[in-house]
Amino acid sequence: VVVLDVMLPGFDGLEVCRRIQHDEPVPVLMLTARDDETDMLV
């Protein structure tokens, strides 16, 4: 399992999630500093 923050240097957690899921599906729990439903849906 992966615990993944959304706001990261280098590239953000959304891009991290895209890349790791492309390689091999793995359960991901994302952490976000904003209670924004759009961010959650993305």
Full PDB file with SEQRES, HELIX, SHEET, SSBOND, CRYST1, ORIGX, SCALE, CONECT and MASTER records, all heavy atoms in Angstrom:
SEQRES   1 A   42  VAL VAL VAL LEU ASP VAL MET LEU PRO GLY PHE ASP GLY          
SEQRES   2 A   42  LEU GLU VAL CYS ARG ARG ILE GLN HIS ASP GLU PRO VAL          
SEQRES   3 A   42  PRO VAL LEU MET LEU THR ALA ARG ASP ASP GLU THR ASP          
SEQRES   4 A   42  MET LEU VAL                                                  
HELIX    1 AA1 GLY A   13  ASP A   23  1                                  11    
HELIX    2 AA2 GLU A   37  LEU A   41  1                                   5    
SHEET    1 AA1 2 VAL A   2  ASP A   5  0                                        
SHEET    2 AA1 2 VAL A  28  LEU A  31  1                                        
CRYST1    1.000    1.000    1.000  90.00  90.00  90.00 P 1           1          
ORIGX1      1.000000  0.000000  0.000000        0.00000                         
ORIGX2      0.000000  1.000000  0.000000        0.00000                         
ORIGX3      0.000000  0.000000  1.000000        0.00000                         
SCALE1      1.000000  0.000000  0.000000        0.00000                         
SCALE2      0.000000  1.000000  0.000000        0.00000                         
SCALE3      0.000000  0.000000  1.000000        0.00000                         
ATOM      1  N   VAL A   1       0.849  -1.185   0.000  1.00  0.00           N  
ATOM      2  CA  VAL A   1       0.000   0.000   0.000  1.00  0.00           C  
ATOM      3  C   VAL A   1       0.887   1.237   0.000  1.00  0.00           C  
ATOM      4  O   VAL A   1       2.037   1.183   0.452  1.00  0.00           O  
ATOM      5  CB  VAL A   1      -0.947  -0.021   1.228  1.00  0.00           C  
ATOM      6  CG1 VAL A   1      -0.184   0.138   2.527  1.00  0.00           C  
ATOM      7  CG2 VAL A   1      -2.040   1.021   1.107  1.00  0.00           C  
ATOM      8  N   VAL A   2       0.352   2.338  -0.540  1.00  0.00           N  
ATOM      9  CA  VAL A   2       1.096   3.597  -0.621  1.00  0.00           C  
ATOM     10  C   VAL A   2       0.280   4.701   0.043  1.00  0.00           C  
ATOM     11  O   VAL A   2      -0.928   4.823  -0.191  1.00  0.00           O  
ATOM     12  CB  VAL A   2       1.381   3.994  -2.089  1.00  0.00           C  
ATOM     13  CG1 VAL A   2       2.041   5.374  -2.171  1.00  0.00           C  
ATOM     14  CG2 VAL A   2       2.257   2.942  -2.761  1.00  0.00           C  
ATOM     15  N   VAL A   3       0.950   5.492   0.893  1.00  0.00           N  
ATOM     16  CA  VAL A   3       0.377   6.716   1.442  1.00  0.00           C  
ATOM     17  C   VAL A   3       1.015   7.864   0.678  1.00  0.00           C  
ATOM     18  O   VAL A   3       2.239   8.027   0.709  1.00  0.00           O  
ATOM     19  CB  VAL A   3       0.642   6.849   2.951  1.00  0.00           C  
ATOM     20  CG1 VAL A   3       0.064   8.165   3.476  1.00  0.00           C  
ATOM     21  CG2 VAL A   3       0.061   5.664   3.714  1.00  0.00           C  
ATOM     22  N   LEU A   4       0.209   8.667  -0.012  1.00  0.00           N  
ATOM     23  CA  LEU A   4       0.737   9.604  -0.997  1.00  0.00           C  
ATOM     24  C   LEU A   4       0.162  11.000  -0.808  1.00  0.00           C  
ATOM     25  O   LEU A   4      -1.054  11.199  -0.904  1.00  0.00           O  
ATOM     26  CB  LEU A   4       0.396   9.085  -2.403  1.00  0.00           C  
ATOM     27  CG  LEU A   4       0.763   9.937  -3.606  1.00  0.00           C  
ATOM     28  CD1 LEU A   4       2.267  10.168  -3.679  1.00  0.00           C  
ATOM     29  CD2 LEU A   4       0.263   9.269  -4.891  1.00  0.00           C  
ATOM     30  N   ASP A   5       1.056  11.970  -0.544  1.00  0.00           N  
ATOM     31  CA  ASP A   5       0.630  13.358  -0.442  1.00  0.00           C  
ATOM     32  C   ASP A   5       0.391  13.922  -1.833  1.00  0.00           C  
ATOM     33  O   ASP A   5       1.082  13.552  -2.795  1.00  0.00           O  
ATOM     34  CB  ASP A   5       1.717  14.166   0.279  1.00  0.00           C  
ATOM     35  CG  ASP A   5       1.258  15.577   0.618  1.00  0.00           C  
ATOM     36  OD1 ASP A   5       0.040  15.789   0.734  1.00  0.00           O  
ATOM     37  OD2 ASP A   5       2.119  16.461   0.769  1.00  0.00           O  
ATOM     38  N   VAL A   6      -0.581  14.826  -1.967  1.00  0.00           N  
ATOM     39  CA  VAL A   6      -0.867  15.420  -3.275  1.00  0.00           C  
ATOM     40  C   VAL A   6       0.184  16.454  -3.658  1.00  0.00           C  
ATOM     41  O   VAL A   6       0.686  16.469  -4.784  1.00  0.00           O  
ATOM     42  CB  VAL A   6      -2.281  16.056  -3.279  1.00  0.00           C  
ATOM     43  CG1 VAL A   6      -2.493  16.845  -4.567  1.00  0.00           C  
ATOM     44  CG2 VAL A   6      -3.348  14.979  -3.156  1.00  0.00           C  
ATOM     45  N   MET A   7       0.548  17.349  -2.718  1.00  0.00           N  
ATOM     46  CA  MET A   7       1.479  18.437  -3.013  1.00  0.00           C  
ATOM     47  C   MET A   7       2.902  17.980  -2.729  1.00  0.00           C  
ATOM     48  O   MET A   7       3.292  17.786  -1.580  1.00  0.00           O  
ATOM     49  CB  MET A   7       1.140  19.668  -2.169  1.00  0.00           C  
ATOM     50  CG  MET A   7      -0.282  20.173  -2.394  1.00  0.00           C  
ATOM     51  SD  MET A   7      -0.605  20.606  -4.129  1.00  0.00           S  
ATOM     52  CE  MET A   7       0.510  21.996  -4.332  1.00  0.00           C  
ATOM     53  N   LEU A   8       3.685  17.770  -3.814  1.00  0.00           N  
ATOM     54  CA  LEU A   8       5.048  17.277  -3.686  1.00  0.00           C  
ATOM     55  C   LEU A   8       5.974  18.066  -4.609  1.00  0.00           C  
ATOM     56  O   LEU A   8       5.545  18.523  -5.672  1.00  0.00           O  
ATOM     57  CB  LEU A   8       5.133  15.795  -4.083  1.00  0.00           C  
ATOM     58  CG  LEU A   8       4.417  14.774  -3.204  1.00  0.00           C  
ATOM     59  CD1 LEU A   8       4.386  13.422  -3.913  1.00  0.00           C  
ATOM     60  CD2 LEU A   8       5.119  14.644  -1.850  1.00  0.00           C  
ATOM     61  N   PRO A   9       7.252  18.213  -4.234  1.00  0.00           N  
ATOM     62  CA  PRO A   9       8.218  18.782  -5.178  1.00  0.00           C  
ATOM     63  C   PRO A   9       8.582  17.775  -6.262  1.00  0.00           C  
ATOM     64  O   PRO A   9       8.368  16.578  -6.110  1.00  0.00           O  
ATOM     65  CB  PRO A   9       9.435  19.091  -4.285  1.00  0.00           C  
ATOM     66  CG  PRO A   9       9.300  18.179  -3.108  1.00  0.00           C  
ATOM     67  CD  PRO A   9       7.830  17.947  -2.905  1.00  0.00           C  
ATOM     68  N   GLY A  10       9.132  18.269  -7.362  1.00  0.00           N  
ATOM     69  CA  GLY A  10       9.485  17.392  -8.482  1.00  0.00           C  
ATOM     70  C   GLY A  10       8.307  17.273  -9.418  1.00  0.00           C  
ATOM     71  O   GLY A  10       8.275  17.887 -10.476  1.00  0.00           O  
ATOM     72  N   PHE A  11       7.329  16.472  -9.057  1.00  0.00           N  
ATOM     73  CA  PHE A  11       5.997  16.495  -9.661  1.00  0.00           C  
ATOM     74  C   PHE A  11       5.020  16.027  -8.597  1.00  0.00           C  
ATOM     75  O   PHE A  11       5.411  15.382  -7.619  1.00  0.00           O  
ATOM     76  CB  PHE A  11       5.897  15.676 -10.956  1.00  0.00           C  
ATOM     77  CG  PHE A  11       6.537  14.312 -10.925  1.00  0.00           C  
ATOM     78  CD1 PHE A  11       5.935  13.255 -10.274  1.00  0.00           C  
ATOM     79  CD2 PHE A  11       7.745  14.091 -11.569  1.00  0.00           C  
ATOM     80  CE1 PHE A  11       6.515  11.989 -10.263  1.00  0.00           C  
ATOM     81  CE2 PHE A  11       8.335  12.849 -11.573  1.00  0.00           C  
ATOM     82  CZ  PHE A  11       7.716  11.783 -10.910  1.00  0.00           C  
ATOM     83  N   ASP A  12       3.745  16.381  -8.781  1.00  0.00           N  
ATOM     84  CA  ASP A  12       2.788  16.199  -7.689  1.00  0.00           C  
ATOM     85  C   ASP A  12       2.345  14.749  -7.520  1.00  0.00           C  
ATOM     86  O   ASP A  12       2.687  13.863  -8.309  1.00  0.00           O  
ATOM     87  CB  ASP A  12       1.594  17.131  -7.849  1.00  0.00           C  
ATOM     88  CG  ASP A  12       0.738  16.827  -9.081  1.00  0.00           C  
ATOM     89  OD1 ASP A  12       0.837  15.711  -9.631  1.00  0.00           O  
ATOM     90  OD2 ASP A  12      -0.046  17.701  -9.487  1.00  0.00           O  
ATOM     91  N   GLY A  13       1.558  14.543  -6.448  1.00  0.00           N  
ATOM     92  CA  GLY A  13       1.104  13.201  -6.134  1.00  0.00           C  
ATOM     93  C   GLY A  13       0.195  12.594  -7.179  1.00  0.00           C  
ATOM     94  O   GLY A  13       0.148  11.365  -7.331  1.00  0.00           O  
ATOM     95  N   LEU A  14      -0.536  13.426  -7.923  1.00  0.00           N  
ATOM     96  CA  LEU A  14      -1.393  12.896  -8.985  1.00  0.00           C  
ATOM     97  C   LEU A  14      -0.550  12.238 -10.066  1.00  0.00           C  
ATOM     98  O   LEU A  14      -0.888  11.154 -10.564  1.00  0.00           O  
ATOM     99  CB  LEU A  14      -2.245  14.014  -9.578  1.00  0.00           C  
ATOM    100  CG  LEU A  14      -3.204  14.711  -8.605  1.00  0.00           C  
ATOM    101  CD1 LEU A  14      -3.919  15.859  -9.308  1.00  0.00           C  
ATOM    102  CD2 LEU A  14      -4.200  13.721  -8.022  1.00  0.00           C  
ATOM    103  N   GLU A  15       0.572  12.879 -10.420  1.00  0.00           N  
ATOM    104  CA  GLU A  15       1.463  12.298 -11.423  1.00  0.00           C  
ATOM    105  C   GLU A  15       2.146  11.044 -10.880  1.00  0.00           C  
ATOM    106  O   GLU A  15       2.333  10.062 -11.607  1.00  0.00           O  
ATOM    107  CB  GLU A  15       2.506  13.317 -11.875  1.00  0.00           C  
ATOM    108  CG  GLU A  15       3.456  12.812 -12.955  1.00  0.00           C  
ATOM    109  CD  GLU A  15       2.750  12.421 -14.247  1.00  0.00           C  
ATOM    110  OE1 GLU A  15       1.638  12.939 -14.512  1.00  0.00           O  
ATOM    111  OE2 GLU A  15       3.306  11.590 -14.994  1.00  0.00           O  
ATOM    112  N   VAL A  16       2.517  11.067  -9.602  1.00  0.00           N  
ATOM    113  CA  VAL A  16       3.083   9.866  -8.972  1.00  0.00           C  
ATOM    114  C   VAL A  16       2.084   8.719  -9.080  1.00  0.00           C  
ATOM    115  O   VAL A  16       2.440   7.596  -9.465  1.00  0.00           O  
ATOM    116  CB  VAL A  16       3.424  10.125  -7.491  1.00  0.00           C  
ATOM    117  CG1 VAL A  16       3.840   8.815  -6.803  1.00  0.00           C  
ATOM    118  CG2 VAL A  16       4.549  11.151  -7.364  1.00  0.00           C  
ATOM    119  N   CYS A  17       0.817   9.002  -8.766  1.00  0.00           N  
ATOM    120  CA  CYS A  17      -0.203   7.960  -8.796  1.00  0.00           C  
ATOM    121  C   CYS A  17      -0.375   7.411 -10.210  1.00  0.00           C  
ATOM    122  O   CYS A  17      -0.468   6.195 -10.402  1.00  0.00           O  
ATOM    123  CB  CYS A  17      -1.520   8.518  -8.262  1.00  0.00           C  
ATOM    124  SG  CYS A  17      -2.744   7.260  -7.861  1.00  0.00           S  
ATOM    125  N   ARG A  18      -0.406   8.302 -11.202  1.00  0.00           N  
ATOM    126  CA  ARG A  18      -0.534   7.839 -12.591  1.00  0.00           C  
ATOM    127  C   ARG A  18       0.603   6.888 -12.949  1.00  0.00           C  
ATOM    128  O   ARG A  18       0.386   5.838 -13.565  1.00  0.00           O  
ATOM    129  CB  ARG A  18      -0.511   9.035 -13.542  1.00  0.00           C  
ATOM    130  CG  ARG A  18      -1.743   9.901 -13.547  1.00  0.00           C  
ATOM    131  CD  ARG A  18      -1.678  10.922 -14.667  1.00  0.00           C  
ATOM    132  NE  ARG A  18      -2.738  11.914 -14.563  1.00  0.00           N  
ATOM    133  CZ  ARG A  18      -2.594  13.110 -14.000  1.00  0.00           C  
ATOM    134  NH1 ARG A  18      -1.419  13.463 -13.504  1.00  0.00           N  
ATOM    135  NH2 ARG A  18      -3.610  13.950 -13.949  1.00  0.00           N  
ATOM    136  N   ARG A  19       1.821   7.276 -12.599  1.00  0.00           N  
ATOM    137  CA  ARG A  19       2.985   6.484 -13.012  1.00  0.00           C  
ATOM    138  C   ARG A  19       3.055   5.139 -12.308  1.00  0.00           C  
ATOM    139  O   ARG A  19       3.343   4.117 -12.939  1.00  0.00           O  
ATOM    140  CB  ARG A  19       4.273   7.287 -12.762  1.00  0.00           C  
ATOM    141  CG  ARG A  19       4.366   8.546 -13.609  1.00  0.00           C  
ATOM    142  CD  ARG A  19       5.744   9.168 -13.550  1.00  0.00           C  
ATOM    143  NE  ARG A  19       5.783  10.447 -14.263  1.00  0.00           N  
ATOM    144  CZ  ARG A  19       6.894  11.067 -14.603  1.00  0.00           C  
ATOM    145  NH1 ARG A  19       8.076  10.558 -14.285  1.00  0.00           N  
ATOM    146  NH2 ARG A  19       6.841  12.230 -15.248  1.00  0.00           N  
ATOM    147  N   ILE A  20       2.784   5.122 -11.006  1.00  0.00           N  
ATOM    148  CA  ILE A  20       2.899   3.837 -10.304  1.00  0.00           C  
ATOM    149  C   ILE A  20       1.749   2.912 -10.681  1.00  0.00           C  
ATOM    150  O   ILE A  20       1.928   1.691 -10.753  1.00  0.00           O  
ATOM    151  CB  ILE A  20       2.993   4.019  -8.772  1.00  0.00           C  
ATOM    152  CG1 ILE A  20       1.728   4.657  -8.191  1.00  0.00           C  
ATOM    153  CG2 ILE A  20       4.225   4.843  -8.419  1.00  0.00           C  
ATOM    154  CD1 ILE A  20       1.762   4.795  -6.670  1.00  0.00           C  
ATOM    155  N   GLN A  21       0.566   3.452 -10.946  1.00  0.00           N  
ATOM    156  CA  GLN A  21      -0.546   2.595 -11.353  1.00  0.00           C  
ATOM    157  C   GLN A  21      -0.343   2.059 -12.760  1.00  0.00           C  
ATOM    158  O   GLN A  21      -0.821   0.986 -13.097  1.00  0.00           O  
ATOM    159  CB  GLN A  21      -1.874   3.356 -11.262  1.00  0.00           C  
ATOM    160  CG  GLN A  21      -2.246   3.825  -9.862  1.00  0.00           C  
ATOM    161  CD  GLN A  21      -2.547   2.693  -8.894  1.00  0.00           C  
ATOM    162  OE1 GLN A  21      -2.143   1.557  -9.089  1.00  0.00           O  
ATOM    163  NE2 GLN A  21      -3.247   3.002  -7.823  1.00  0.00           N  
ATOM    164  N   HIS A  22       0.369   2.824 -13.589  1.00  0.00           N  
ATOM    165  CA  HIS A  22       0.671   2.349 -14.946  1.00  0.00           C  
ATOM    166  C   HIS A  22       1.611   1.153 -14.894  1.00  0.00           C  
ATOM    167  O   HIS A  22       1.509   0.224 -15.699  1.00  0.00           O  
ATOM    168  CB  HIS A  22       1.303   3.476 -15.769  1.00  0.00           C  
ATOM    169  CG  HIS A  22       1.636   3.086 -17.182  1.00  0.00           C  
ATOM    170  ND1 HIS A  22       2.875   2.577 -17.531  1.00  0.00           N  
ATOM    171  CD2 HIS A  22       0.886   3.103 -18.316  1.00  0.00           C  
ATOM    172  CE1 HIS A  22       2.872   2.316 -18.831  1.00  0.00           C  
ATOM    173  NE2 HIS A  22       1.688   2.622 -19.328  1.00  0.00           N  
ATOM    174  N   ASP A  23       2.565   1.180 -13.953  1.00  0.00           N  
ATOM    175  CA  ASP A  23       3.528   0.086 -13.836  1.00  0.00           C  
ATOM    176  C   ASP A  23       2.880  -1.181 -13.277  1.00  0.00           C  
ATOM    177  O   ASP A  23       3.014  -2.272 -13.837  1.00  0.00           O  
ATOM    178  CB  ASP A  23       4.694   0.494 -12.924  1.00  0.00           C  
ATOM    179  CG  ASP A  23       5.568   1.574 -13.546  1.00  0.00           C  
ATOM    180  OD1 ASP A  23       5.473   1.769 -14.771  1.00  0.00           O  
ATOM    181  OD2 ASP A  23       6.323   2.226 -12.804  1.00  0.00           O  
ATOM    182  N   GLU A  24       2.205  -1.038 -12.165  1.00  0.00           N  
ATOM    183  CA  GLU A  24       1.599  -2.197 -11.477  1.00  0.00           C  
ATOM    184  C   GLU A  24       0.577  -1.670 -10.479  1.00  0.00           C  
ATOM    185  O   GLU A  24       0.931  -0.860  -9.614  1.00  0.00           O  
ATOM    186  CB  GLU A  24       2.677  -3.002 -10.744  1.00  0.00           C  
ATOM    187  CG  GLU A  24       2.159  -4.220 -10.024  1.00  0.00           C  
ATOM    188  CD  GLU A  24       3.272  -4.983  -9.308  1.00  0.00           C  
ATOM    189  OE1 GLU A  24       4.433  -4.540  -9.386  1.00  0.00           O  
ATOM    190  OE2 GLU A  24       2.967  -5.995  -8.674  1.00  0.00           O  
ATOM    191  N   PRO A  25      -0.691  -2.071 -10.580  1.00  0.00           N  
ATOM    192  CA  PRO A  25      -1.705  -1.545  -9.667  1.00  0.00           C  
ATOM    193  C   PRO A  25      -1.345  -1.779  -8.208  1.00  0.00           C  
ATOM    194  O   PRO A  25      -0.903  -2.866  -7.825  1.00  0.00           O  
ATOM    195  CB  PRO A  25      -2.968  -2.333 -10.057  1.00  0.00           C  
ATOM    196  CG  PRO A  25      -2.731  -2.752 -11.471  1.00  0.00           C  
ATOM    197  CD  PRO A  25      -1.247  -2.999 -11.571  1.00  0.00           C  
ATOM    198  N   VAL A  26      -1.481  -0.750  -7.395  1.00  0.00           N  
ATOM    199  CA  VAL A  26      -1.187  -0.835  -5.976  1.00  0.00           C  
ATOM    200  C   VAL A  26      -2.194   0.050  -5.244  1.00  0.00           C  
ATOM    201  O   VAL A  26      -2.559   1.116  -5.738  1.00  0.00           O  
ATOM    202  CB  VAL A  26       0.263  -0.385  -5.679  1.00  0.00           C  
ATOM    203  CG1 VAL A  26       0.496   1.035  -6.152  1.00  0.00           C  
ATOM    204  CG2 VAL A  26       0.596  -0.524  -4.193  1.00  0.00           C  
ATOM    205  N   PRO A  27      -2.700  -0.388  -4.099  1.00  0.00           N  
ATOM    206  CA  PRO A  27      -3.644   0.452  -3.352  1.00  0.00           C  
ATOM    207  C   PRO A  27      -2.974   1.754  -2.911  1.00  0.00           C  
ATOM    208  O   PRO A  27      -1.847   1.741  -2.410  1.00  0.00           O  
ATOM    209  CB  PRO A  27      -4.017  -0.415  -2.143  1.00  0.00           C  
ATOM    210  CG  PRO A  27      -3.670  -1.808  -2.534  1.00  0.00           C  
ATOM    211  CD  PRO A  27      -2.500  -1.700  -3.453  1.00  0.00           C  
ATOM    212  N   VAL A  28      -3.671   2.868  -3.086  1.00  0.00           N  
ATOM    213  CA  VAL A  28      -3.130   4.186  -2.750  1.00  0.00           C  
ATOM    214  C   VAL A  28      -4.132   4.951  -1.901  1.00  0.00           C  
ATOM    215  O   VAL A  28      -5.313   5.058  -2.253  1.00  0.00           O  
ATOM    216  CB  VAL A  28      -2.810   5.003  -4.018  1.00  0.00           C  
ATOM    217  CG1 VAL A  28      -2.425   6.441  -3.659  1.00  0.00           C  
ATOM    218  CG2 VAL A  28      -1.703   4.344  -4.825  1.00  0.00           C  
ATOM    219  N   LEU A  29      -3.650   5.478  -0.777  1.00  0.00           N  
ATOM    220  CA  LEU A  29      -4.416   6.417   0.031  1.00  0.00           C  
ATOM    221  C   LEU A  29      -3.753   7.774  -0.117  1.00  0.00           C  
ATOM    222  O   LEU A  29      -2.571   7.924   0.208  1.00  0.00           O  
ATOM    223  CB  LEU A  29      -4.463   5.992   1.493  1.00  0.00           C  
ATOM    224  CG  LEU A  29      -5.354   6.833   2.413  1.00  0.00           C  
ATOM    225  CD1 LEU A  29      -5.934   5.968   3.535  1.00  0.00           C  
ATOM    226  CD2 LEU A  29      -4.612   8.017   3.015  1.00  0.00           C  
ATOM    227  N   MET A  30      -4.500   8.767  -0.630  1.00  0.00           N  
ATOM    228  CA  MET A  30      -3.938  10.086  -0.882  1.00  0.00           C  
ATOM    229  C   MET A  30      -4.222  11.021   0.291  1.00  0.00           C  
ATOM    230  O   MET A  30      -5.286  10.944   0.922  1.00  0.00           O  
ATOM    231  CB  MET A  30      -4.487  10.690  -2.170  1.00  0.00           C  
ATOM    232  CG  MET A  30      -4.130   9.897  -3.408  1.00  0.00           C  
ATOM    233  SD  MET A  30      -4.325  10.820  -4.956  1.00  0.00           S  
ATOM    234  CE  MET A  30      -2.789  11.750  -4.965  1.00  0.00           C  
ATOM    235  N   LEU A  31      -3.252  11.891   0.561  1.00  0.00           N  
ATOM    236  CA  LEU A  31      -3.388  12.923   1.580  1.00  0.00           C  
ATOM    237  C   LEU A  31      -3.467  14.274   0.891  1.00  0.00           C  
ATOM    238  O   LEU A  31      -2.676  14.561  -0.012  1.00  0.00           O  
ATOM    239  CB  LEU A  31      -2.186  12.909   2.527  1.00  0.00           C  
ATOM    240  CG  LEU A  31      -1.877  11.593   3.238  1.00  0.00           C  
ATOM    241  CD1 LEU A  31      -0.595  11.746   4.062  1.00  0.00           C  
ATOM    242  CD2 LEU A  31      -3.037  11.178   4.146  1.00  0.00           C  
ATOM    243  N   THR A  32      -4.423  15.094   1.286  1.00  0.00           N  
ATOM    244  CA  THR A  32      -4.556  16.411   0.693  1.00  0.00           C  
ATOM    245  C   THR A  32      -4.735  17.457   1.776  1.00  0.00           C  
ATOM    246  O   THR A  32      -5.363  17.186   2.804  1.00  0.00           O  
ATOM    247  CB  THR A  32      -5.750  16.478  -0.287  1.00  0.00           C  
ATOM    248  OG1 THR A  32      -5.910  17.817  -0.752  1.00  0.00           O  
ATOM    249  CG2 THR A  32      -7.036  16.034   0.376  1.00  0.00           C  
ATOM    250  N   ALA A  33      -4.165  18.621   1.567  1.00  0.00           N  
ATOM    251  CA  ALA A  33      -4.285  19.712   2.535  1.00  0.00           C  
ATOM    252  C   ALA A  33      -5.564  20.497   2.328  1.00  0.00           C  
ATOM    253  O   ALA A  33      -5.914  21.344   3.144  1.00  0.00           O  
ATOM    254  CB  ALA A  33      -3.079  20.637   2.434  1.00  0.00           C  
ATOM    255  N   ARG A  34      -6.264  20.230   1.232  1.00  0.00           N  
ATOM    256  CA  ARG A  34      -7.478  20.982   0.916  1.00  0.00           C  
ATOM    257  C   ARG A  34      -8.675  20.045   0.871  1.00  0.00           C  
ATOM    258  O   ARG A  34      -8.625  18.997   0.256  1.00  0.00           O  
ATOM    259  CB  ARG A  34      -7.330  21.687  -0.436  1.00  0.00           C  
ATOM    260  CG  ARG A  34      -6.263  22.753  -0.450  1.00  0.00           C  
ATOM    261  CD  ARG A  34      -6.188  23.437  -1.795  1.00  0.00           C  
ATOM    262  NE  ARG A  34      -5.744  22.528  -2.849  1.00  0.00           N  
ATOM    263  CZ  ARG A  34      -5.608  22.892  -4.128  1.00  0.00           C  
ATOM    264  NH1 ARG A  34      -5.903  24.118  -4.489  1.00  0.00           N  
ATOM    265  NH2 ARG A  34      -5.182  22.029  -5.026  1.00  0.00           N  
ATOM    266  N   ASP A  35      -9.738  20.480   1.515  1.00  0.00           N  
ATOM    267  CA  ASP A  35     -10.976  19.696   1.511  1.00  0.00           C  
ATOM    268  C   ASP A  35     -11.790  20.099   0.289  1.00  0.00           C  
ATOM    269  O   ASP A  35     -12.881  20.637   0.370  1.00  0.00           O  
ATOM    270  CB  ASP A  35     -11.764  19.955   2.795  1.00  0.00           C  
ATOM    271  CG  ASP A  35     -12.933  18.995   2.954  1.00  0.00           C  
ATOM    272  OD1 ASP A  35     -12.973  17.989   2.227  1.00  0.00           O  
ATOM    273  OD2 ASP A  35     -13.800  19.264   3.799  1.00  0.00           O  
ATOM    274  N   ASP A  36     -11.202  19.842  -0.883  1.00  0.00           N  
ATOM    275  CA  ASP A  36     -11.794  20.262  -2.145  1.00  0.00           C  
ATOM    276  C   ASP A  36     -12.238  19.018  -2.909  1.00  0.00           C  
ATOM    277  O   ASP A  36     -11.421  18.165  -3.241  1.00  0.00           O  
ATOM    278  CB  ASP A  36     -10.763  21.053  -2.961  1.00  0.00           C  
ATOM    279  CG  ASP A  36     -11.360  21.650  -4.225  1.00  0.00           C  
ATOM    280  OD1 ASP A  36     -12.095  20.933  -4.935  1.00  0.00           O  
ATOM    281  OD2 ASP A  36     -11.069  22.819  -4.504  1.00  0.00           O  
ATOM    282  N   GLU A  37     -13.534  18.923  -3.179  1.00  0.00           N  
ATOM    283  CA  GLU A  37     -14.054  17.710  -3.808  1.00  0.00           C  
ATOM    284  C   GLU A  37     -13.489  17.499  -5.207  1.00  0.00           C  
ATOM    285  O   GLU A  37     -13.301  16.365  -5.638  1.00  0.00           O  
ATOM    286  CB  GLU A  37     -15.573  17.751  -3.865  1.00  0.00           C  
ATOM    287  CG  GLU A  37     -16.184  16.416  -4.267  1.00  0.00           C  
ATOM    288  CD  GLU A  37     -17.675  16.368  -4.014  1.00  0.00           C  
ATOM    289  OE1 GLU A  37     -18.369  17.336  -4.348  1.00  0.00           O  
ATOM    290  OE2 GLU A  37     -18.148  15.353  -3.483  1.00  0.00           O  
ATOM    291  N   THR A  38     -13.186  18.594  -5.921  1.00  0.00           N  
ATOM    292  CA  THR A  38     -12.588  18.452  -7.243  1.00  0.00           C  
ATOM    293  C   THR A  38     -11.246  17.747  -7.156  1.00  0.00           C  
ATOM    294  O   THR A  38     -10.956  16.828  -7.930  1.00  0.00           O  
ATOM    295  CB  THR A  38     -12.417  19.831  -7.913  1.00  0.00           C  
ATOM    296  OG1 THR A  38     -13.690  20.453  -8.042  1.00  0.00           O  
ATOM    297  CG2 THR A  38     -11.789  19.678  -9.288  1.00  0.00           C  
ATOM    298  N   ASP A  39     -10.411  18.152  -6.194  1.00  0.00           N  
ATOM    299  CA  ASP A  39      -9.124  17.487  -5.992  1.00  0.00           C  
ATOM    300  C   ASP A  39      -9.316  16.011  -5.668  1.00  0.00           C  
ATOM    301  O   ASP A  39      -8.579  15.146  -6.135  1.00  0.00           O  
ATOM    302  CB  ASP A  39      -8.336  18.153  -4.867  1.00  0.00           C  
ATOM    303  CG  ASP A  39      -7.819  19.535  -5.260  1.00  0.00           C  
ATOM    304  OD1 ASP A  39      -7.837  19.842  -6.463  1.00  0.00           O  
ATOM    305  OD2 ASP A  39      -7.398  20.283  -4.364  1.00  0.00           O  
ATOM    306  N   MET A  40     -10.316  15.730  -4.839  1.00  0.00           N  
ATOM    307  CA  MET A  40     -10.572  14.346  -4.454  1.00  0.00           C  
ATOM    308  C   MET A  40     -10.969  13.507  -5.668  1.00  0.00           C  
ATOM    309  O   MET A  40     -10.490  12.386  -5.855  1.00  0.00           O  
ATOM    310  CB  MET A  40     -11.675  14.287  -3.396  1.00  0.00           C  
ATOM    311  CG  MET A  40     -11.321  14.988  -2.088  1.00  0.00           C  
ATOM    312  SD  MET A  40     -12.743  15.114  -0.984  1.00  0.00           S  
ATOM    313  CE  MET A  40     -12.092  16.168   0.316  1.00  0.00           C  
ATOM    314  N   LEU A  41     -11.844  14.062  -6.509  1.00  0.00           N  
ATOM    315  CA  LEU A  41     -12.289  13.328  -7.691  1.00  0.00           C  
ATOM    316  C   LEU A  41     -11.149  13.109  -8.667  1.00  0.00           C  
ATOM    317  O   LEU A  41     -11.046  12.044  -9.282  1.00  0.00           O  
ATOM    318  CB  LEU A  41     -13.438  14.078  -8.370  1.00  0.00           C  
ATOM    319  CG  LEU A  41     -14.788  14.029  -7.648  1.00  0.00           C  
ATOM    320  CD1 LEU A  41     -15.783  14.959  -8.317  1.00  0.00           C  
ATOM    321  CD2 LEU A  41     -15.326  12.610  -7.601  1.00  0.00           C  
ATOM    322  N   VAL A  42     -10.285  14.117  -8.824  1.00  0.00           N  
ATOM    323  CA  VAL A  42      -9.126  13.945  -9.696  1.00  0.00           C  
ATOM    324  C   VAL A  42      -8.232  12.836  -9.157  1.00  0.00           C  
ATOM    325  O   VAL A  42      -7.750  11.977  -9.901  1.00  0.00           O  
ATOM    326  CB  VAL A  42      -8.342  15.268  -9.835  1.00  0.00           C  
ATOM    327  CG1 VAL A  42      -7.021  15.035 -10.578  1.00  0.00           C  
ATOM    328  CG2 VAL A  42      -9.163  16.304 -10.569  1.00  0.00           C  
TER     329      VAL A  42                                                      
MASTER        0    0    0    2    2    0    0    6  328    1    0    4          
END                                                                             
